[in-house]
Amino acid sequence: MTKKDYELIAKVIKDNFEAFKALEIHPSHWQGLLSGELSREFAKDNPKFDSYKFAKACGMKVTK
């Protein structure tokens, strides 16, 4: 991974933290919200990015 990758991940977390907190949801639900936001950003950078595989790697229960 490059510095650009780490900066992107940090930005997604930072930009979404307050929004997630405002939703007053249980922290366990943040996993899905955060992985979804990261997936969107990764897909912008790489059209072949597989969000399904990423969600599985994040520990999400997903069906295709």
PDB file of N, CA and C in Angstrom:
ATOM      1  N   MET A   1       0.835  -1.171   0.000  1.00  0.00           N
ATOM      2  CA  MET A   1       0.000   0.000   0.000  1.00  0.00           C
ATOM      3  C   MET A   1       0.888   1.244   0.000  1.00  0.00           C
ATOM      4  N   THR A   2       0.326   2.288  -0.516  1.00  0.00           N
ATOM      5  CA  THR A   2       1.084   3.524  -0.607  1.00  0.00           C
ATOM      6  C   THR A   2       0.562   4.542   0.411  1.00  0.00           C
ATOM      7  N   LYS A   3       1.277   5.630   0.543  1.00  0.00           N
ATOM      8  CA  LYS A   3       0.846   6.718   1.421  1.00  0.00           C
ATOM      9  C   LYS A   3      -0.538   7.201   1.002  1.00  0.00           C
ATOM     10  N   LYS A   4      -0.778   7.234  -0.300  1.00  0.00           N
ATOM     11  CA  LYS A   4      -2.079   7.656  -0.836  1.00  0.00           C
ATOM     12  C   LYS A   4      -3.199   6.746  -0.307  1.00  0.00           C
ATOM     13  N   ASP A   5      -2.930   5.451  -0.254  1.00  0.00           N
ATOM     14  CA  ASP A   5      -3.924   4.494   0.245  1.00  0.00           C
ATOM     15  C   ASP A   5      -4.255   4.759   1.714  1.00  0.00           C
ATOM     16  N   TYR A   6      -3.218   4.925   2.508  1.00  0.00           N
ATOM     17  CA  TYR A   6      -3.427   5.173   3.940  1.00  0.00           C
ATOM     18  C   TYR A   6      -4.171   6.484   4.165  1.00  0.00           C
ATOM     19  N   GLU A   7      -3.837   7.496   3.380  1.00  0.00           N
ATOM     20  CA  GLU A   7      -4.515   8.783   3.506  1.00  0.00           C
ATOM     21  C   GLU A   7      -5.990   8.671   3.126  1.00  0.00           C
ATOM     22  N   LEU A   8      -6.284   7.888   2.098  1.00  0.00           N
ATOM     23  CA  LEU A   8      -7.671   7.689   1.686  1.00  0.00           C
ATOM     24  C   LEU A   8      -8.470   7.004   2.792  1.00  0.00           C
ATOM     25  N   ILE A   9      -7.913   5.967   3.378  1.00  0.00           N
ATOM     26  CA  ILE A   9      -8.601   5.236   4.442  1.00  0.00           C
ATOM     27  C   ILE A   9      -8.836   6.155   5.641  1.00  0.00           C
ATOM     28  N   ALA A  10      -7.832   6.909   6.027  1.00  0.00           N
ATOM     29  CA  ALA A  10      -7.968   7.831   7.151  1.00  0.00           C
ATOM     30  C   ALA A  10      -9.038   8.884   6.862  1.00  0.00           C
ATOM     31  N   LYS A  11      -9.083   9.376   5.639  1.00  0.00           N
ATOM     32  CA  LYS A  11     -10.059  10.397   5.255  1.00  0.00           C
ATOM     33  C   LYS A  11     -11.485   9.839   5.339  1.00  0.00           C
ATOM     34  N   VAL A  12     -11.687   8.637   4.853  1.00  0.00           N
ATOM     35  CA  VAL A  12     -13.025   8.029   4.898  1.00  0.00           C
ATOM     36  C   VAL A  12     -13.475   7.858   6.354  1.00  0.00           C
ATOM     37  N   ILE A  13     -12.573   7.391   7.200  1.00  0.00           N
ATOM     38  CA  ILE A  13     -12.923   7.211   8.612  1.00  0.00           C
ATOM     39  C   ILE A  13     -13.245   8.567   9.240  1.00  0.00           C
ATOM     40  N   LYS A  14     -12.373   9.539   9.028  1.00  0.00           N
ATOM     41  CA  LYS A  14     -12.568  10.872   9.607  1.00  0.00           C
ATOM     42  C   LYS A  14     -13.851  11.523   9.104  1.00  0.00           C
ATOM     43  N   ASP A  15     -14.077  11.482   7.795  1.00  0.00           N
ATOM     44  CA  ASP A  15     -15.248  12.129   7.206  1.00  0.00           C
ATOM     45  C   ASP A  15     -16.564  11.504   7.650  1.00  0.00           C
ATOM     46  N   ASN A  16     -16.540  10.244   7.995  1.00  0.00           N
ATOM     47  CA  ASN A  16     -17.784   9.553   8.334  1.00  0.00           C
ATOM     48  C   ASN A  16     -18.014   9.360   9.823  1.00  0.00           C
ATOM     49  N   PHE A  17     -17.007   9.593  10.646  1.00  0.00           N
ATOM     50  CA  PHE A  17     -17.142   9.327  12.074  1.00  0.00           C
ATOM     51  C   PHE A  17     -18.300  10.090  12.701  1.00  0.00           C
ATOM     52  N   GLU A  18     -18.359  11.407  12.485  1.00  0.00           N
ATOM     53  CA  GLU A  18     -19.423  12.209  13.096  1.00  0.00           C
ATOM     54  C   GLU A  18     -20.798  11.798  12.574  1.00  0.00           C
ATOM     55  N   ALA A  19     -20.867  11.496  11.282  1.00  0.00           N
ATOM     56  CA  ALA A  19     -22.148  11.083  10.701  1.00  0.00           C
ATOM     57  C   ALA A  19     -22.609   9.765  11.319  1.00  0.00           C
ATOM     58  N   PHE A  20     -21.694   8.825  11.481  1.00  0.00           N
ATOM     59  CA  PHE A  20     -22.053   7.539  12.077  1.00  0.00           C
ATOM     60  C   PHE A  20     -22.474   7.733  13.525  1.00  0.00           C
ATOM     61  N   LYS A  21     -21.746   8.572  14.246  1.00  0.00           N
ATOM     62  CA  LYS A  21     -22.052   8.828  15.652  1.00  0.00           C
ATOM     63  C   LYS A  21     -23.437   9.461  15.783  1.00  0.00           C
ATOM     64  N   ALA A  22     -23.763  10.353  14.882  1.00  0.00           N
ATOM     65  CA  ALA A  22     -25.061  11.037  14.920  1.00  0.00           C
ATOM     66  C   ALA A  22     -26.221  10.079  14.681  1.00  0.00           C
ATOM     67  N   LEU A  23     -25.949   8.979  14.002  1.00  0.00           N
ATOM     68  CA  LEU A  23     -27.008   8.001  13.737  1.00  0.00           C
ATOM     69  C   LEU A  23     -27.415   7.254  15.001  1.00  0.00           C
ATOM     70  N   GLU A  24     -26.600   7.359  16.040  1.00  0.00           N
ATOM     71  CA  GLU A  24     -26.854   6.680  17.305  1.00  0.00           C
ATOM     72  C   GLU A  24     -27.122   5.195  17.109  1.00  0.00           C
ATOM     73  N   ILE A  25     -26.266   4.578  16.325  1.00  0.00           N
ATOM     74  CA  ILE A  25     -26.385   3.143  16.110  1.00  0.00           C
ATOM     75  C   ILE A  25     -25.328   2.423  16.935  1.00  0.00           C
ATOM     76  N   HIS A  26     -25.549   1.169  17.145  1.00  0.00           N
ATOM     77  CA  HIS A  26     -24.586   0.365  17.889  1.00  0.00           C
ATOM     78  C   HIS A  26     -23.281   0.293  17.105  1.00  0.00           C
ATOM     79  N   PRO A  27     -22.155   0.392  17.804  1.00  0.00           N
ATOM     80  CA  PRO A  27     -20.862   0.362  17.108  1.00  0.00           C
ATOM     81  C   PRO A  27     -20.661  -0.843  16.178  1.00  0.00           C
ATOM     82  N   SER A  28     -21.322  -1.950  16.455  1.00  0.00           N
ATOM     83  CA  SER A  28     -21.159  -3.119  15.581  1.00  0.00           C
ATOM     84  C   SER A  28     -21.697  -2.849  14.177  1.00  0.00           C
ATOM     85  N   HIS A  29     -22.629  -1.918  14.044  1.00  0.00           N
ATOM     86  CA  HIS A  29     -23.165  -1.594  12.723  1.00  0.00           C
ATOM     87  C   HIS A  29     -22.228  -0.698  11.924  1.00  0.00           C
ATOM     88  N   TRP A  30     -21.292  -0.079  12.608  1.00  0.00           N
ATOM     89  CA  TRP A  30     -20.327   0.781  11.916  1.00  0.00           C
ATOM     90  C   TRP A  30     -19.514  -0.016  10.919  1.00  0.00           C
ATOM     91  N   GLN A  31     -19.320  -1.297  11.198  1.00  0.00           N
ATOM     92  CA  GLN A  31     -18.539  -2.167  10.311  1.00  0.00           C
ATOM     93  C   GLN A  31     -19.107  -2.130   8.891  1.00  0.00           C
ATOM     94  N   GLY A  32     -20.399  -2.319   8.769  1.00  0.00           N
ATOM     95  CA  GLY A  32     -21.030  -2.306   7.452  1.00  0.00           C
ATOM     96  C   GLY A  32     -21.007  -0.939   6.803  1.00  0.00           C
ATOM     97  N   LEU A  33     -21.270   0.092   7.597  1.00  0.00           N
ATOM     98  CA  LEU A  33     -21.265   1.448   7.058  1.00  0.00           C
ATOM     99  C   LEU A  33     -19.870   1.842   6.585  1.00  0.00           C
ATOM    100  N   LEU A  34     -18.870   1.561   7.402  1.00  0.00           N
ATOM    101  CA  LEU A  34     -17.510   1.942   7.052  1.00  0.00           C
ATOM    102  C   LEU A  34     -16.987   1.133   5.873  1.00  0.00           C
ATOM    103  N   SER A  35     -17.251  -0.162   5.854  1.00  0.00           N
ATOM    104  CA  SER A  35     -16.778  -0.970   4.725  1.00  0.00           C
ATOM    105  C   SER A  35     -17.462  -0.535   3.432  1.00  0.00           C
ATOM    106  N   GLY A  36     -18.714  -0.107   3.524  1.00  0.00           N
ATOM    107  CA  GLY A  36     -19.413   0.391   2.343  1.00  0.00           C
ATOM    108  C   GLY A  36     -18.807   1.682   1.822  1.00  0.00           C
ATOM    109  N   GLU A  37     -18.493   2.599   2.730  1.00  0.00           N
ATOM    110  CA  GLU A  37     -17.869   3.864   2.327  1.00  0.00           C
ATOM    111  C   GLU A  37     -16.491   3.614   1.714  1.00  0.00           C
ATOM    112  N   LEU A  38     -15.709   2.745   2.346  1.00  0.00           N
ATOM    113  CA  LEU A  38     -14.386   2.426   1.799  1.00  0.00           C
ATOM    114  C   LEU A  38     -14.520   1.765   0.429  1.00  0.00           C
ATOM    115  N   SER A  39     -15.478   0.872   0.285  1.00  0.00           N
ATOM    116  CA  SER A  39     -15.700   0.204  -1.002  1.00  0.00           C
ATOM    117  C   SER A  39     -15.964   1.205  -2.118  1.00  0.00           C
ATOM    118  N   ARG A  40     -16.798   2.189  -1.825  1.00  0.00           N
ATOM    119  CA  ARG A  40     -17.099   3.210  -2.836  1.00  0.00           C
ATOM    120  C   ARG A  40     -15.838   3.956  -3.270  1.00  0.00           C
ATOM    121  N   GLU A  41     -15.006   4.311  -2.295  1.00  0.00           N
ATOM    122  CA  GLU A  41     -13.768   5.030  -2.618  1.00  0.00           C
ATOM    123  C   GLU A  41     -12.794   4.141  -3.392  1.00  0.00           C
ATOM    124  N   PHE A  42     -12.664   2.888  -2.975  1.00  0.00           N
ATOM    125  CA  PHE A  42     -11.742   1.974  -3.653  1.00  0.00           C
ATOM    126  C   PHE A  42     -12.193   1.715  -5.092  1.00  0.00           C
ATOM    127  N   ALA A  43     -13.504   1.615  -5.292  1.00  0.00           N
ATOM    128  CA  ALA A  43     -14.035   1.370  -6.634  1.00  0.00           C
ATOM    129  C   ALA A  43     -13.780   2.563  -7.558  1.00  0.00           C
ATOM    130  N   LYS A  44     -13.771   3.769  -7.005  1.00  0.00           N
ATOM    131  CA  LYS A  44     -13.445   4.950  -7.819  1.00  0.00           C
ATOM    132  C   LYS A  44     -12.013   4.860  -8.330  1.00  0.00           C
ATOM    133  N   ASP A  45     -11.128   4.317  -7.490  1.00  0.00           N
ATOM    134  CA  ASP A  45      -9.716   4.220  -7.829  1.00  0.00           C
ATOM    135  C   ASP A  45      -9.421   3.018  -8.727  1.00  0.00           C
ATOM    136  N   ASN A  46     -10.220   1.953  -8.577  1.00  0.00           N
ATOM    137  CA  ASN A  46      -9.968   0.717  -9.316  1.00  0.00           C
ATOM    138  C   ASN A  46     -11.298   0.129  -9.787  1.00  0.00           C
ATOM    139  N   PRO A  47     -11.604   0.265 -11.079  1.00  0.00           N
ATOM    140  CA  PRO A  47     -12.877  -0.248 -11.597  1.00  0.00           C
ATOM    141  C   PRO A  47     -13.053  -1.758 -11.411  1.00  0.00           C
ATOM    142  N   LYS A  48     -11.973  -2.485 -11.207  1.00  0.00           N
ATOM    143  CA  LYS A  48     -12.069  -3.935 -11.011  1.00  0.00           C
ATOM    144  C   LYS A  48     -12.205  -4.313  -9.533  1.00  0.00           C
ATOM    145  N   PHE A  49     -12.285  -3.322  -8.665  1.00  0.00           N
ATOM    146  CA  PHE A  49     -12.413  -3.584  -7.230  1.00  0.00           C
ATOM    147  C   PHE A  49     -13.677  -4.400  -6.965  1.00  0.00           C
ATOM    148  N   ASP A  50     -13.541  -5.447  -6.169  1.00  0.00           N
ATOM    149  CA  ASP A  50     -14.659  -6.350  -5.871  1.00  0.00           C
ATOM    150  C   ASP A  50     -15.184  -6.070  -4.465  1.00  0.00           C
ATOM    151  N   SER A  51     -16.281  -5.303  -4.373  1.00  0.00           N
ATOM    152  CA  SER A  51     -16.837  -4.950  -3.064  1.00  0.00           C
ATOM    153  C   SER A  51     -17.320  -6.169  -2.290  1.00  0.00           C
ATOM    154  N   TYR A  52     -17.780  -7.175  -3.003  1.00  0.00           N
ATOM    155  CA  TYR A  52     -18.243  -8.407  -2.343  1.00  0.00           C
ATOM    156  C   TYR A  52     -17.078  -9.062  -1.589  1.00  0.00           C
ATOM    157  N   LYS A  53     -15.954  -9.225  -2.267  1.00  0.00           N
ATOM    158  CA  LYS A  53     -14.776  -9.827  -1.621  1.00  0.00           C
ATOM    159  C   LYS A  53     -14.302  -8.963  -0.455  1.00  0.00           C
ATOM    160  N   PHE A  54     -14.342  -7.647  -0.650  1.00  0.00           N
ATOM    161  CA  PHE A  54     -13.907  -6.739   0.406  1.00  0.00           C
ATOM    162  C   PHE A  54     -14.809  -6.865   1.628  1.00  0.00           C
ATOM    163  N   ALA A  55     -16.112  -6.900   1.412  1.00  0.00           N
ATOM    164  CA  ALA A  55     -17.050  -7.034   2.529  1.00  0.00           C
ATOM    165  C   ALA A  55     -16.813  -8.330   3.288  1.00  0.00           C
ATOM    166  N   LYS A  56     -16.590  -9.407   2.540  1.00  0.00           N
ATOM    167  CA  LYS A  56     -16.286 -10.697   3.193  1.00  0.00           C
ATOM    168  C   LYS A  56     -15.004 -10.595   4.005  1.00  0.00           C
ATOM    169  N   ALA A  57     -13.981  -9.955   3.432  1.00  0.00           N
ATOM    170  CA  ALA A  57     -12.706  -9.806   4.131  1.00  0.00           C
ATOM    171  C   ALA A  57     -12.850  -8.959   5.392  1.00  0.00           C
ATOM    172  N   CYS A  58     -13.831  -8.057   5.405  1.00  0.00           N
ATOM    173  CA  CYS A  58     -14.107  -7.215   6.570  1.00  0.00           C
ATOM    174  C   CYS A  58     -14.912  -7.958   7.627  1.00  0.00           C
ATOM    175  N   GLY A  59     -15.327  -9.177   7.315  1.00  0.00           N
ATOM    176  CA  GLY A  59     -16.080  -9.975   8.272  1.00  0.00           C
ATOM    177  C   GLY A  59     -17.584  -9.829   8.152  1.00  0.00           C
ATOM    178  N   MET A  60     -18.027  -9.228   7.068  1.00  0.00           N
ATOM    179  CA  MET A  60     -19.457  -9.030   6.868  1.00  0.00           C
ATOM    180  C   MET A  60     -20.086 -10.335   6.368  1.00  0.00           C
ATOM    181  N   LYS A  61     -21.335 -10.553   6.729  1.00  0.00           N
ATOM    182  CA  LYS A  61     -22.089 -11.684   6.199  1.00  0.00           C
ATOM    183  C   LYS A  61     -22.771 -11.175   4.944  1.00  0.00           C
ATOM    184  N   VAL A  62     -22.286 -11.625   3.795  1.00  0.00           N
ATOM    185  CA  VAL A  62     -22.807 -11.126   2.527  1.00  0.00           C
ATOM    186  C   VAL A  62     -23.257 -12.282   1.636  1.00  0.00           C
ATOM    187  N   THR A  63     -24.219 -11.979   0.792  1.00  0.00           N
ATOM    188  CA  THR A  63     -24.650 -12.951  -0.201  1.00  0.00           C
ATOM    189  C   THR A  63     -24.552 -12.274  -1.563  1.00  0.00           C
ATOM    190  N   LYS A  64     -24.238 -13.050  -2.542  1.00  0.00           N
ATOM    191  CA  LYS A  64     -24.064 -12.504  -3.882  1.00  0.00           C
ATOM    192  C   LYS A  64     -25.266 -12.776  -4.734  1.00  0.00           C
TER     193      LYS A  64
END
